[in-house]
């Protein structure tokens, strides 16, 4: 869909005019497919210039983005949205600067397209190369985080993919303003605005159409949001999905943990930002250090304003601890709440994580290198950490510039999905007249 046409669609929605959602989405899919073919062949230098221009345009549009976000925030407050939800939605000048800086960081990454990852020569003289190629057209369905608009767009462009963005109704204004600035940067660098398209209305039918693949024009779906959204995507999608259902993240304080380190890491892992998927939701403490570490860790969390739901041992150390129920061990709170449990040993901690975790991110605090090595080897999560806050579970912190999500499956991509993970590959075979006998 040409850029002007997209704007006219948005205008018609704003005026409450009827919109033919299937027709609009179908047109977007066709336009994205055409743009993807061109973008896949764009020189790395042009994509870099486009991303730098997009970052500049986002900075220049700060006042417009903040105004749109203020409207979104007013609706969120009127609708009684939680503090954690509002934190995910809220934009400030510093957060917009961080969004622009993230786009610039992606611009500075090596272009993965065309990179030869392996090369070998067969006995018959054939030279075979495995080469990175774009996935094609990616659909991103997300909820309240407007920064995903720029993160996803930047990563897709860097990897040579067109993208169709479907933001949540609660962040429609904020995301739309970011998108408008971003595509202006693409056009500045000579790329088509159709490389990054945004669904400009909140009609839920758009999600179903995207899950159906838009007449074969979508190659991958990436959901960013709550369990309900991701479960629906995984259930209904007719194209491959990069997704995680929950961020049930654990911090395990091992028998050989340093208390000061445990307190510092745990407090950051839980309380830095409670609404992100890398926030710790369960604390496991080895019973061998219960006498020296359980009470100070629990009191620290309580004094920091975190609700603690614990087993009998945790309840015994402070009357403010609430009894944990079975559901707490399987809950992603996305709030200042944590469940606490005493475990007999490392094996029991690993077993608890395997039983109740979501294969997202888990961390061990210990000075015992052998225990750390076993934890890192046996915990089957996309990200496994030793003596580090789980809030580092982020593509930017991994040096990816940004991320389009944290994939917890086992196919293709796992962990932070950056530009490299948004590519596939093909084989190039070089011969000099060989035929097969």
Protein backbone atom coordinates (compact mmCIF):
# COMPACT_ATOMS: atom_id res chain seq x y z
CA UNK A 1 0.00 0.00 0.00
CA UNK A 2 1.51 3.37 -0.97
CA UNK A 3 2.37 5.66 1.95
CA UNK A 4 -0.29 8.22 1.01
CA UNK A 5 -2.92 5.49 0.90
CA UNK A 6 -1.96 4.32 4.37
CA UNK A 7 -2.37 7.83 5.71
CA UNK A 8 -5.79 8.13 4.11
CA UNK A 9 -6.82 4.87 5.79
CA UNK A 10 -5.71 6.23 9.16
CA UNK A 11 -7.63 9.43 8.53
CA UNK A 12 -10.79 7.54 7.66
CA UNK A 13 -10.48 5.52 10.85
CA UNK A 14 -10.03 8.65 12.91
CA UNK A 15 -13.25 10.01 11.43
CA UNK A 16 -15.12 6.81 12.33
CA UNK A 17 -15.68 6.02 8.66
CA UNK A 18 -16.19 2.31 7.93
CA UNK A 19 -13.04 0.44 6.98
CA UNK A 20 -12.91 -2.74 4.95
CA UNK A 21 -10.40 -4.46 7.22
CA UNK A 22 -9.80 -7.56 5.05
CA UNK A 23 -9.25 -5.42 1.96
CA UNK A 24 -6.86 -3.08 3.78
CA UNK A 25 -4.83 -5.93 5.29
CA UNK A 26 -4.70 -7.80 2.00
CA UNK A 27 -3.40 -4.68 0.27
CA UNK A 28 -0.80 -4.19 3.01
CA UNK A 29 0.34 -7.79 2.57
CA UNK A 30 0.83 -7.40 -1.17
CA UNK A 31 2.67 -4.12 -0.73
CA UNK A 32 4.91 -5.66 1.93
CA UNK A 33 5.77 -8.60 -0.34
CA UNK A 34 6.78 -6.23 -3.14
CA UNK A 35 8.79 -4.06 -0.74
CA UNK A 36 10.52 -7.12 0.74
CA UNK A 37 11.85 -8.17 -2.66
CA UNK A 38 13.44 -4.75 -3.14
CA UNK A 39 14.69 -4.43 0.44
CA UNK A 40 16.36 -7.85 0.30
CA UNK A 41 18.62 -6.50 -2.45
CA UNK A 42 19.25 -3.06 -0.92
CA UNK A 43 22.92 -2.30 -0.22
CA UNK A 44 23.98 -2.41 3.41
CA UNK A 45 24.98 1.26 3.20
CA UNK A 46 21.48 2.30 2.16
CA UNK A 47 19.85 0.38 5.00
CA UNK A 48 22.33 1.93 7.44
CA UNK A 49 21.54 5.41 6.15
CA UNK A 50 17.81 4.72 6.39
CA UNK A 51 18.07 3.63 10.02
CA UNK A 52 20.15 6.67 10.95
CA UNK A 53 17.61 8.90 9.24
CA UNK A 54 14.78 7.11 11.08
CA UNK A 55 16.49 7.77 14.42
CA UNK A 56 16.86 11.45 13.54
CA UNK A 57 13.22 11.67 12.54
CA UNK A 58 12.13 10.06 15.83
CA UNK A 59 14.13 12.63 17.79
CA UNK A 60 12.67 15.46 15.73
CA UNK A 61 9.15 14.17 16.39
CA UNK A 62 9.57 13.96 20.19
CA UNK A 63 6.86 16.52 20.93
CA UNK A 64 4.36 14.82 18.60
CA UNK A 65 5.13 11.40 20.06
CA UNK A 66 4.77 12.69 23.63
CA UNK A 67 1.45 14.32 22.78
CA UNK A 68 0.11 11.07 21.33
CA UNK A 69 1.39 9.17 24.34
CA UNK A 70 -0.30 11.60 26.72
CA UNK A 71 -3.63 10.76 25.10
CA UNK A 72 -2.91 7.02 25.39
CA UNK A 73 -1.92 7.42 29.04
CA UNK A 74 -5.06 9.39 29.85
CA UNK A 75 -7.19 6.57 28.46
CA UNK A 76 -5.16 3.97 30.37
CA UNK A 77 -5.70 5.83 33.65
CA UNK A 78 -9.40 6.28 32.93
CA UNK A 79 -9.70 2.57 32.19
CA UNK A 80 -8.03 1.70 35.50
CA UNK A 81 -4.97 0.04 33.98
CA UNK A 82 -2.40 -1.23 36.50
CA UNK A 83 0.73 0.71 37.41
CA UNK A 84 2.85 -1.92 35.67
CA UNK A 85 0.78 -1.55 32.49
CA UNK A 86 1.10 2.22 32.62
CA UNK A 87 4.86 1.93 33.09
CA UNK A 88 5.11 -0.19 29.93
CA UNK A 89 3.02 2.34 28.02
CA UNK A 90 4.55 5.57 29.28
CA UNK A 91 7.01 7.56 27.18
CA UNK A 92 9.27 10.38 28.32
CA UNK A 93 11.89 12.43 26.53
CA UNK A 94 14.58 10.09 27.88
CA UNK A 95 12.67 6.99 26.73
CA UNK A 96 12.22 8.46 23.26
CA UNK A 97 15.92 9.26 23.16
CA UNK A 98 16.58 5.64 24.15
CA UNK A 99 14.33 4.48 21.30
CA UNK A 100 16.24 6.62 18.80
CA UNK A 101 19.59 5.49 20.22
CA UNK A 102 18.46 1.88 19.88
CA UNK A 103 17.69 2.43 16.19
CA UNK A 104 21.14 3.97 15.76
CA UNK A 105 22.71 0.99 17.51
CA UNK A 106 20.99 -1.35 15.06
CA UNK A 107 22.28 0.84 12.23
CA UNK A 108 25.79 0.23 13.52
CA UNK A 109 25.45 -3.56 13.50
CA UNK A 110 27.03 -5.62 10.71
CA UNK A 111 24.53 -6.35 7.95
CA UNK A 112 23.74 -10.06 8.26
CA UNK A 113 22.36 -10.37 4.72
CA UNK A 114 24.81 -12.04 2.36
CA UNK A 115 27.18 -13.16 5.11
CA UNK A 116 28.78 -16.52 4.37
CA UNK A 117 28.45 -18.56 7.56
CA UNK A 118 30.14 -21.71 6.25
CA UNK A 119 32.00 -22.80 3.15
CA UNK A 120 33.46 -26.16 2.14
CA UNK A 121 34.74 -28.00 -0.93
CA UNK A 122 33.50 -31.43 -1.92
CA UNK A 123 35.79 -34.15 -3.34
CA UNK A 124 34.35 -33.49 -6.80
CA UNK A 125 35.45 -29.85 -6.64
CA UNK A 126 32.05 -28.28 -5.89
CA UNK A 127 32.37 -25.30 -3.53
CA UNK A 128 29.33 -24.96 -1.27
CA UNK A 129 28.54 -21.84 0.76
CA UNK A 130 25.81 -21.24 3.33
CA UNK A 131 24.67 -17.63 3.01
CA UNK A 132 22.32 -15.57 5.21
CA UNK A 133 19.14 -14.34 3.52
CA UNK A 134 16.13 -12.34 4.77
CA UNK A 135 13.06 -14.19 6.01
CA UNK A 136 10.78 -12.06 3.81
CA UNK A 137 7.76 -10.38 5.43
CA UNK A 138 7.37 -10.43 9.21
CA UNK A 139 4.18 -9.67 11.11
CA UNK A 140 4.64 -8.28 14.62
CA UNK A 141 1.60 -8.24 16.93
CA UNK A 142 2.21 -6.44 20.19
CA UNK A 143 0.37 -4.75 23.02
CA UNK A 144 1.27 -1.85 25.28
CA UNK A 145 4.94 -1.16 24.57
CA UNK A 146 5.21 1.58 21.91
CA UNK A 147 9.01 1.18 21.77
CA UNK A 148 8.46 -2.17 20.04
CA UNK A 149 7.37 -0.18 16.99
CA UNK A 150 10.87 1.19 16.43
CA UNK A 151 12.76 -1.86 17.73
CA UNK A 152 10.94 -4.27 15.44
CA UNK A 153 11.08 -1.95 12.46
CA UNK A 154 14.81 -1.33 12.84
CA UNK A 155 15.73 -4.99 13.21
CA UNK A 156 13.58 -6.04 10.27
CA UNK A 157 15.09 -3.37 8.00
CA UNK A 158 18.62 -4.26 9.10
CA UNK A 159 17.95 -7.91 8.19
CA UNK A 160 16.33 -7.01 4.86
CA UNK A 161 12.77 -7.90 5.87
CA UNK A 162 9.57 -5.97 5.32
CA UNK A 163 7.33 -5.81 8.38
CA UNK A 164 3.68 -5.22 9.20
CA UNK A 165 3.20 -3.90 12.73
CA UNK A 166 -0.05 -4.35 14.63
CA UNK A 167 0.17 -2.46 17.93
CA UNK A 168 -2.27 -2.68 20.80
CA UNK A 169 -5.30 -0.44 20.96
CA UNK A 170 -4.01 1.09 24.20
CA UNK A 171 -0.82 2.32 22.50
CA UNK A 172 -2.22 3.03 19.06
CA UNK A 173 -1.51 6.76 19.12
CA UNK A 174 2.01 6.43 20.51
CA UNK A 175 2.98 3.61 18.17
CA UNK A 176 1.44 5.36 15.20
CA UNK A 177 3.44 8.53 15.88
CA UNK A 178 6.69 6.56 16.18
CA UNK A 179 5.88 4.69 12.97
CA UNK A 180 5.18 7.89 11.05
CA UNK A 181 8.57 9.30 12.07
CA UNK A 182 10.38 6.06 11.32
CA UNK A 183 9.06 5.65 7.77
CA UNK A 184 9.86 9.28 7.02
CA UNK A 185 13.47 8.33 7.66
CA UNK A 186 13.22 5.38 5.29
CA UNK A 187 11.90 7.63 2.56
CA UNK A 188 14.71 10.13 3.23
CA UNK A 189 17.18 7.36 2.35
CA UNK A 190 15.32 6.23 -0.76
CA UNK A 191 13.58 3.16 0.64
CA UNK A 192 9.89 2.50 0.24
CA UNK A 193 7.59 3.36 3.14
CA UNK A 194 5.96 -0.01 2.45
CA UNK A 195 9.00 -1.70 4.01
CA UNK A 196 7.52 -0.85 7.43
CA UNK A 197 3.72 -0.73 7.61
CA UNK A 198 1.49 -0.11 10.60
CA UNK A 199 -2.11 -1.23 11.04
CA UNK A 200 -3.76 2.11 11.87
CA UNK A 201 -6.85 0.80 13.65
CA UNK A 202 -7.61 -1.45 16.60
CA UNK A 203 -10.11 -3.80 14.97
CA UNK A 204 -9.29 -7.27 16.32
CA UNK A 205 -10.11 -8.78 12.94
CA UNK A 206 -6.68 -7.56 11.81
CA UNK A 207 -5.01 -10.03 14.18
CA UNK A 208 -6.93 -12.98 12.77
CA UNK A 209 -6.10 -11.95 9.21
CA UNK A 210 -2.40 -11.68 10.04
CA UNK A 211 -2.46 -15.09 11.74
CA UNK A 212 -3.90 -16.46 8.52
CA UNK A 213 -0.84 -15.25 6.65
CA UNK A 214 -2.42 -12.49 4.50
CA UNK A 215 -2.86 -14.64 1.42
CA UNK A 216 0.59 -16.14 1.78
CA UNK A 217 2.33 -12.79 2.10
CA UNK A 218 3.47 -13.18 5.73
CA UNK A 219 6.39 -15.50 6.42
CA UNK A 220 6.76 -15.23 10.22
CA UNK A 221 4.61 -13.94 13.11
CA UNK A 222 6.17 -12.46 16.25
CA UNK A 223 3.80 -11.80 19.17
CA UNK A 224 4.88 -9.40 21.93
CA UNK A 225 2.39 -9.30 24.76
CA UNK A 226 0.57 -11.18 27.47
CA UNK A 227 -0.09 -14.87 27.76
CA UNK A 228 -3.53 -14.60 26.18
CA UNK A 229 -2.20 -12.96 23.03
CA UNK A 230 0.73 -15.32 22.64
CA UNK A 231 -1.42 -18.40 23.29
CA UNK A 232 -3.87 -17.27 20.62
CA UNK A 233 -1.08 -16.66 18.14
CA UNK A 234 0.49 -20.06 18.76
CA UNK A 235 -2.91 -21.74 18.47
CA UNK A 236 -4.21 -19.99 15.35
CA UNK A 237 -1.18 -18.97 13.32
CA UNK A 238 -0.78 -20.62 9.94
CA UNK A 239 2.78 -19.34 9.58
CA UNK A 240 5.83 -19.95 11.82
CA UNK A 241 5.88 -18.14 15.18
CA UNK A 242 8.72 -16.76 17.31
CA UNK A 243 7.20 -16.50 20.78
CA UNK A 244 7.31 -17.08 24.50
CA UNK A 245 4.24 -17.63 26.67
CA UNK A 246 5.52 -16.41 30.05
CA UNK A 247 8.53 -14.92 31.74
CA UNK A 248 8.49 -17.04 34.89
CA UNK A 249 12.02 -16.10 35.84
CA UNK A 250 13.98 -17.56 38.78
CA UNK A 251 16.89 -16.43 40.92
CA UNK A 252 18.49 -19.30 42.83
CA UNK A 253 20.70 -18.41 45.81
CA UNK A 254 23.05 -21.36 46.10
CA UNK A 255 24.71 -22.61 49.30
CA UNK A 256 27.94 -20.90 48.23
CA UNK A 257 26.36 -17.54 47.44
CA UNK A 258 27.88 -14.29 48.70
CA UNK A 259 25.10 -12.54 50.63
CA UNK A 260 25.97 -9.01 49.53
CA UNK A 261 26.04 -10.09 45.89
CA UNK A 262 22.80 -12.02 46.29
CA UNK A 263 21.05 -8.99 47.76
CA UNK A 264 22.32 -6.64 45.05
CA UNK A 265 21.50 -8.96 42.15
CA UNK A 266 18.12 -10.05 43.50
CA UNK A 267 16.92 -6.51 44.22
CA UNK A 268 17.80 -5.43 40.69
CA UNK A 269 16.35 -8.59 39.13
CA UNK A 270 13.00 -8.06 40.84
CA UNK A 271 12.57 -4.33 41.37
CA UNK A 272 14.44 -2.42 38.63
CA UNK A 273 11.40 -2.73 36.35
CA UNK A 274 8.79 -5.17 37.59
CA UNK A 275 6.72 -5.26 34.39
CA UNK A 276 9.31 -6.57 31.95
CA UNK A 277 9.62 -10.22 30.98
CA UNK A 278 13.12 -10.50 32.48
CA UNK A 279 11.98 -9.52 35.97
CA UNK A 280 12.49 -12.22 38.60
CA UNK A 281 9.23 -13.81 39.76
CA UNK A 282 10.50 -16.60 42.05
CA UNK A 283 13.37 -16.68 44.55
CA UNK A 284 14.79 -20.08 45.46
CA UNK A 285 17.11 -20.26 48.46
CA UNK A 286 19.26 -23.26 49.35
CA UNK A 287 18.28 -24.58 52.78
CA UNK A 288 21.96 -24.82 53.76
CA UNK A 289 22.11 -21.01 53.97
CA UNK A 290 18.55 -20.46 55.17
CA UNK A 291 19.72 -19.37 58.62
CA UNK A 292 22.07 -16.69 57.26
CA UNK A 293 20.48 -15.56 54.00
CA UNK A 294 16.73 -16.19 53.85
CA UNK A 295 15.74 -13.55 56.40
CA UNK A 296 17.90 -10.69 55.02
CA UNK A 297 16.83 -11.41 51.46
CA UNK A 298 13.14 -11.51 52.33
CA UNK A 299 13.35 -8.40 54.52
CA UNK A 300 15.19 -6.53 51.79
CA UNK A 301 12.41 -7.27 49.30
CA UNK A 302 9.67 -6.32 51.75
CA UNK A 303 11.40 -3.07 52.71
CA UNK A 304 11.72 -2.23 49.01
CA UNK A 305 7.95 -2.42 48.62
CA UNK A 306 7.77 -5.91 47.15
CA UNK A 307 5.01 -8.26 48.28
CA UNK A 308 6.46 -11.63 49.25
CA UNK A 309 4.48 -14.85 48.99
CA UNK A 310 6.42 -17.65 50.59
CA UNK A 311 6.45 -21.23 51.76
CA UNK A 312 6.45 -22.05 55.47
CA UNK A 313 10.14 -21.24 55.87
CA UNK A 314 9.78 -17.84 54.25
CA UNK A 315 6.67 -17.04 56.31
CA UNK A 316 8.57 -17.87 59.48
CA UNK A 317 11.21 -15.17 58.98
CA UNK A 318 8.82 -12.20 58.75
CA UNK A 319 5.11 -11.81 59.56
CA UNK A 320 4.64 -9.64 56.46
CA UNK A 321 5.20 -12.65 54.19
CA UNK A 322 1.94 -13.98 52.74
CA UNK A 323 1.36 -17.71 52.29
CA UNK A 324 2.15 -18.94 48.80
CA UNK A 325 -0.35 -21.16 47.01
CA UNK A 326 0.43 -23.67 44.29
CA UNK A 327 -0.45 -21.18 41.54
CA UNK A 328 2.24 -18.75 42.71
CA UNK A 329 5.04 -20.99 41.45
CA UNK A 330 3.52 -20.79 37.94
CA UNK A 331 2.71 -17.07 37.88
CA UNK A 332 4.34 -14.20 35.99
CA UNK A 333 3.33 -11.32 38.24
CA UNK A 334 4.66 -8.42 36.16
CA UNK A 335 4.36 -6.45 39.40
CA UNK A 336 6.14 -5.90 42.72
CA UNK A 337 5.32 -9.43 43.91
CA UNK A 338 7.65 -12.41 44.26
CA UNK A 339 7.26 -16.01 45.42
CA UNK A 340 9.95 -17.43 47.73
CA UNK A 341 10.78 -21.05 48.40
CA UNK A 342 13.46 -22.98 50.28
CA UNK A 343 14.99 -25.88 48.28
CA UNK A 344 17.20 -28.70 49.61
CA UNK A 345 19.99 -28.39 47.06
CA UNK A 346 21.06 -27.53 43.51
CA UNK A 347 19.30 -30.54 42.02
CA UNK A 348 16.03 -29.53 43.65
CA UNK A 349 16.41 -25.97 42.36
CA UNK A 350 16.96 -27.22 38.82
CA UNK A 351 13.97 -29.56 39.15
CA UNK A 352 11.75 -26.71 40.38
CA UNK A 353 12.79 -24.50 37.46
CA UNK A 354 12.15 -27.29 34.97
CA UNK A 355 8.73 -28.00 36.50
CA UNK A 356 7.50 -24.42 36.95
CA UNK A 357 9.67 -22.26 34.69
CA UNK A 358 8.90 -20.99 31.23
CA UNK A 359 12.35 -21.54 29.65
CA UNK A 360 12.91 -17.79 29.49
CA UNK A 361 15.68 -16.65 31.89
CA UNK A 362 17.05 -18.10 35.12
CA UNK A 363 20.04 -17.11 37.27
CA UNK A 364 22.21 -18.75 39.93
CA UNK A 365 24.11 -16.77 42.56
CA UNK A 366 27.15 -18.71 43.75
CA UNK A 367 30.92 -18.60 44.17
CA UNK A 368 31.09 -22.34 43.42
CA UNK A 369 32.18 -22.62 39.78
CA UNK A 370 31.26 -26.31 39.58
CA UNK A 371 27.72 -25.60 40.82
CA UNK A 372 27.43 -22.72 38.36
CA UNK A 373 28.62 -24.92 35.50
CA UNK A 374 26.04 -27.57 36.35
CA UNK A 375 23.24 -24.98 36.55
CA UNK A 376 24.25 -23.43 33.22
CA UNK A 377 24.39 -26.88 31.62
CA UNK A 378 21.21 -28.41 33.00
CA UNK A 379 18.73 -25.52 33.14
CA UNK A 380 16.95 -25.64 29.79
CA UNK A 381 16.15 -21.96 29.38
CA UNK A 382 16.84 -19.62 26.49
CA UNK A 383 19.04 -17.49 28.79
CA UNK A 384 20.89 -18.92 31.79
CA UNK A 385 22.94 -16.63 34.03
CA UNK A 386 25.58 -16.85 36.73
CA UNK A 387 25.95 -14.01 39.25
CA UNK A 388 24.00 -11.54 37.10
CA UNK A 389 20.60 -9.88 37.19
CA UNK A 390 17.93 -11.44 35.02
CA UNK A 391 17.04 -7.94 33.80
CA UNK A 392 19.96 -8.28 31.37
CA UNK A 393 17.65 -10.54 29.34
CA UNK A 394 17.41 -7.95 26.61
CA UNK A 395 18.66 -7.75 23.05
CA UNK A 396 20.21 -4.34 23.61
CA UNK A 397 22.17 -5.64 26.59
CA UNK A 398 23.37 -8.57 24.46
CA UNK A 399 24.79 -6.15 21.90
CA UNK A 400 22.01 -6.81 19.36
CA UNK A 401 20.98 -3.14 19.34
CA UNK A 402 17.41 -4.12 20.15
CA UNK A 403 15.23 -7.19 20.07
CA UNK A 404 12.00 -8.17 18.43
CA UNK A 405 11.26 -10.52 21.32
CA UNK A 406 12.66 -13.30 23.51
CA UNK A 407 12.07 -16.66 21.84
CA UNK A 408 11.78 -19.60 24.21
CA UNK A 409 11.10 -22.32 21.66
CA UNK A 410 13.77 -24.59 20.24
CA UNK A 411 13.38 -23.97 16.52
CA UNK A 412 15.46 -21.48 14.52
CA UNK A 413 15.80 -18.64 17.05
CA UNK A 414 16.14 -18.77 20.83
CA UNK A 415 16.68 -15.99 23.35
CA UNK A 416 16.76 -12.36 22.22
CA UNK A 417 15.72 -12.20 18.56
CA UNK A 418 17.96 -9.66 16.87
CA UNK A 419 18.80 -8.92 13.25
CA UNK A 420 20.83 -12.08 12.75
CA UNK A 421 17.99 -14.25 14.07
CA UNK A 422 15.65 -12.61 11.53
CA UNK A 423 17.50 -14.25 8.66
CA UNK A 424 17.39 -17.68 7.10
CA UNK A 425 19.96 -19.05 4.68
CA UNK A 426 20.42 -20.51 1.28
CA UNK A 427 23.22 -22.54 -0.29
CA UNK A 428 25.35 -21.25 -3.12
CA UNK A 429 27.08 -23.98 -5.08
CA UNK A 430 30.01 -23.16 -7.40
CA UNK A 431 31.14 -25.67 -9.99
CA UNK A 432 33.21 -25.92 -13.15
CA UNK A 433 31.12 -28.31 -15.18
CA UNK A 434 30.54 -31.15 -12.70
CA UNK A 435 27.77 -33.65 -13.45
CA UNK A 436 26.42 -36.33 -11.13
CA UNK A 437 27.13 -39.92 -12.11
